[in-house]
Amino acid sequence: MEKIKLFVDKAMQFVSQAKAELKKVTWPTRKQTLASTGVVMVIVAITAVYLGIIDFILAKLVKFILG
């Protein structure tokens, strides 16, 4: 029973400390979040196109080599 009480006390202490740390966080504004999301989407799109082109070229090369 003592182990359970110790576990619960430690869990409560962890939750309390986590809550205190989250109050210190500087959260981004909606504008910052949308701008960051836009940048990520553009980079993903560019990477997808680049990898698609490389895949197409390599597929044609393998097809040419193997007949």
Protein backbone atom coordinates (compact mmCIF):
# COMPACT_ATOMS: atom_id res chain seq x y z
CA MET A 1 0.00 0.00 0.00
CA GLU A 2 2.91 2.31 0.76
CA LYS A 3 4.33 1.80 -2.77
CA ILE A 4 1.02 2.83 -4.32
CA LYS A 5 0.87 5.97 -2.19
CA LEU A 6 4.47 6.82 -3.12
CA PHE A 7 3.70 6.27 -6.83
CA VAL A 8 0.59 8.48 -6.68
CA ASP A 9 2.50 11.21 -4.84
CA LYS A 10 5.27 11.18 -7.46
CA ALA A 11 2.73 11.23 -10.28
CA MET A 12 0.92 14.20 -8.74
CA GLN A 13 4.23 16.01 -8.28
CA PHE A 14 5.11 15.38 -11.94
CA VAL A 15 1.75 16.72 -13.14
CA SER A 16 2.09 19.77 -10.93
CA GLN A 17 5.60 20.51 -12.23
CA ALA A 18 4.54 19.95 -15.85
CA LYS A 19 1.63 22.37 -15.39
CA ALA A 20 4.00 24.99 -13.93
CA GLU A 21 6.40 24.60 -16.86
CA LEU A 22 3.61 24.94 -19.42
CA LYS A 23 2.68 28.30 -17.90
CA LYS A 24 6.21 29.53 -18.74
CA VAL A 25 5.92 28.65 -22.43
CA THR A 26 5.62 31.47 -24.94
CA TRP A 27 3.07 30.14 -27.42
CA PRO A 28 3.20 31.34 -31.04
CA THR A 29 0.48 33.58 -32.33
CA ARG A 30 -2.02 32.38 -34.95
CA LYS A 31 -0.19 34.44 -37.60
CA GLN A 32 3.17 32.84 -36.71
CA THR A 33 1.65 29.37 -36.76
CA LEU A 34 0.07 29.90 -40.18
CA ALA A 35 3.31 31.34 -41.58
CA SER A 36 5.34 28.39 -40.28
CA THR A 37 2.79 25.94 -41.65
CA GLY A 38 2.96 27.63 -45.05
CA VAL A 39 6.74 27.39 -45.13
CA VAL A 40 6.62 23.70 -44.23
CA MET A 41 4.02 22.99 -46.93
CA VAL A 42 6.09 24.76 -49.60
CA ILE A 43 9.25 22.89 -48.62
CA VAL A 44 7.38 19.57 -48.64
CA ALA A 45 5.95 20.33 -52.10
CA ILE A 46 9.39 21.26 -53.49
CA THR A 47 10.93 18.12 -51.99
CA ALA A 48 8.13 15.96 -53.41
CA VAL A 49 8.62 17.37 -56.90
CA TYR A 50 12.40 16.94 -56.67
CA LEU A 51 12.11 13.34 -55.49
CA GLY A 52 9.48 12.63 -58.14
CA ILE A 53 11.82 13.85 -60.88
CA ILE A 54 14.74 11.83 -59.50
CA ASP A 55 12.51 8.74 -59.26
CA PHE A 56 11.32 9.20 -62.85
CA ILE A 57 14.90 9.58 -64.14
CA LEU A 58 16.17 6.58 -62.20
CA ALA A 59 13.21 4.45 -63.33
CA LYS A 60 13.93 5.33 -66.98
CA LEU A 61 17.64 4.60 -66.44
CA VAL A 62 16.96 1.17 -64.91
CA LYS A 63 14.48 0.36 -67.66
CA PHE A 64 17.07 1.36 -70.28
CA ILE A 65 19.82 -0.74 -68.65
CA LEU A 66 17.68 -3.84 -68.06
CA GLY A 67 15.87 -3.58 -71.36
